[in-house]
Amino acid sequence: MKFFIAFACLLAVALANEDANILRAEQEVNVNDFKYALKLDNSVDVQQEGALNGNEWKVTGTQSWQSPEGVPVSIQYIADANGYQVVGANPPLPTPPPIPEAIQRALEYIAAHPSKE
């Protein structure tokens, strides 16, 4: 989970340049939850919040910026016990290629023959 938080921070820094000014920077970190927001004058806008529910974190966030070509880009995501999932993206994410047949057979075999611990 810490990876996703760090990833979002690094993305914001990577998209920001030396000429960007901070318009808004907020952060609140508690034992069982956190939230932060960062908005720069070069169109970078990052927001994320997370809460600990039992033993699992649930994190939601959005990131938006303008590409070098001038196209607005935004991503909405959730990260929880099921991993990182993109909920929405503009422009839409490309459709992933199909799983190769050999890999699919291997996945089916693994599912049918779980390891014995």
Protein backbone atom coordinates (compact mmCIF):
# COMPACT_ATOMS: atom_id res chain seq x y z
CA MET A 1 0.00 0.00 0.00
CA LYS A 2 2.86 2.35 0.76
CA PHE A 3 3.97 1.83 -2.84
CA PHE A 4 0.79 3.46 -4.16
CA ILE A 5 1.19 6.44 -1.89
CA ALA A 6 4.80 6.85 -2.94
CA PHE A 7 3.85 6.33 -6.60
CA ALA A 8 1.30 9.13 -6.46
CA CYS A 9 3.82 11.48 -4.86
CA LEU A 10 6.49 10.62 -7.41
CA LEU A 11 4.04 11.12 -10.26
CA ALA A 12 3.18 14.55 -8.99
CA VAL A 13 6.85 15.46 -8.68
CA ALA A 14 7.67 14.04 -12.11
CA LEU A 15 4.89 16.01 -13.75
CA ALA A 16 5.83 19.17 -11.95
CA ASN A 17 8.72 21.21 -13.21
CA GLU A 18 10.88 23.81 -11.55
CA ASP A 19 8.58 26.59 -12.74
CA ALA A 20 5.43 25.14 -11.16
CA ASN A 21 4.02 26.93 -8.17
CA ILE A 22 2.03 25.23 -5.46
CA LEU A 23 -1.56 26.43 -5.39
CA ARG A 24 -2.73 24.01 -2.71
CA ALA A 25 -0.91 21.51 -0.51
CA GLU A 26 -2.80 19.78 2.25
CA GLN A 27 -2.02 16.65 4.21
CA GLU A 28 -3.45 14.96 7.24
CA VAL A 29 -1.98 11.73 8.57
CA ASN A 30 -3.55 9.86 11.46
CA VAL A 31 -3.08 6.37 12.83
CA ASN A 32 -6.01 4.86 10.94
CA ASP A 33 -6.45 7.22 8.00
CA PHE A 34 -4.77 9.82 5.85
CA LYS A 35 -5.54 12.27 3.09
CA TYR A 36 -3.57 14.68 1.01
CA ALA A 37 -4.06 17.02 -1.89
CA LEU A 38 -1.60 18.83 -4.13
CA LYS A 39 -2.48 21.30 -6.85
CA LEU A 40 0.11 23.07 -8.98
CA ASP A 41 -0.31 25.92 -11.42
CA ASN A 42 0.86 23.71 -14.32
CA SER A 43 -2.41 21.65 -14.23
CA VAL A 44 -1.16 18.88 -11.91
CA ASP A 45 -3.85 17.98 -9.39
CA VAL A 46 -3.42 14.97 -7.09
CA GLN A 47 -5.75 13.87 -4.30
CA GLN A 48 -5.69 10.69 -2.25
CA GLU A 49 -7.27 9.42 0.92
CA GLY A 50 -7.12 6.14 2.73
CA ALA A 51 -8.53 4.46 5.78
CA LEU A 52 -7.69 1.35 7.72
CA ASN A 53 -10.68 -0.98 7.98
CA GLY A 54 -9.80 -3.84 10.31
CA ASN A 55 -6.46 -5.07 8.98
CA GLU A 56 -6.87 -3.75 5.43
CA TRP A 57 -6.28 -0.36 3.89
CA LYS A 58 -8.66 1.11 1.35
CA VAL A 59 -7.22 3.99 -0.65
CA THR A 60 -8.99 6.10 -3.26
CA GLY A 61 -7.52 8.85 -5.33
CA THR A 62 -7.46 10.96 -8.44
CA GLN A 63 -4.65 12.37 -10.51
CA SER A 64 -4.98 14.82 -13.35
CA TRP A 65 -2.64 16.85 -15.53
CA GLN A 66 -2.28 18.17 -19.04
CA SER A 67 -0.12 16.24 -21.48
CA PRO A 68 2.62 18.01 -23.47
CA GLU A 69 0.20 17.91 -26.42
CA GLY A 70 -2.37 19.84 -24.39
CA VAL A 71 -4.71 16.89 -23.79
CA PRO A 72 -6.25 16.73 -20.31
CA VAL A 73 -5.47 13.41 -18.62
CA SER A 74 -7.13 12.09 -15.46
CA ILE A 75 -7.12 8.82 -13.55
CA GLN A 76 -9.41 7.72 -10.72
CA TYR A 77 -8.35 4.65 -8.78
CA ILE A 78 -8.93 2.50 -5.74
CA ALA A 79 -6.40 0.32 -3.97
CA ASP A 80 -7.53 -2.24 -1.44
CA ALA A 81 -7.22 -5.93 -0.63
CA ASN A 82 -7.90 -6.63 -4.33
CA GLY A 83 -4.95 -4.52 -5.46
CA TYR A 84 -4.75 -1.34 -7.54
CA GLN A 85 -7.73 -0.82 -9.83
CA VAL A 86 -8.31 2.05 -12.22
CA VAL A 87 -11.94 3.08 -11.84
CA GLY A 88 -11.93 5.67 -14.60
CA ALA A 89 -9.49 7.31 -16.96
CA ASN A 90 -9.64 10.06 -19.52
CA PRO A 91 -8.54 9.36 -22.17
CA PRO A 92 -9.70 5.77 -21.66
CA LEU A 93 -7.04 3.20 -20.96
CA PRO A 94 -6.18 1.00 -23.94
CA THR A 95 -7.64 -2.48 -24.01
CA PRO A 96 -4.98 -4.92 -22.84
CA PRO A 97 -3.94 -7.64 -25.28
CA PRO A 98 -5.49 -11.08 -24.80
CA ILE A 99 -3.74 -13.53 -22.48
CA PRO A 100 -1.61 -15.94 -24.52
CA GLU A 101 -3.06 -19.46 -24.68
CA ALA A 102 -0.09 -21.08 -22.90
CA ILE A 103 -0.32 -18.58 -20.03
CA GLN A 104 -4.08 -19.09 -19.77
CA ARG A 105 -3.62 -22.87 -19.54
CA ALA A 106 -0.97 -22.39 -16.85
CA LEU A 107 -3.29 -20.12 -14.84
CA GLU A 108 -6.11 -22.65 -15.11
CA TYR A 109 -3.75 -25.43 -13.98
CA ILE A 110 -2.59 -23.41 -10.99
CA ALA A 111 -6.20 -22.64 -10.03
CA ALA A 112 -7.16 -26.31 -10.31
CA HIS A 113 -4.10 -27.50 -8.34
CA PRO A 114 -3.56 -25.17 -5.37
CA SER A 115 -0.36 -25.59 -3.41
CA LYS A 116 -0.47 -27.71 -0.26
CA GLU A 117 1.02 -25.89 2.67
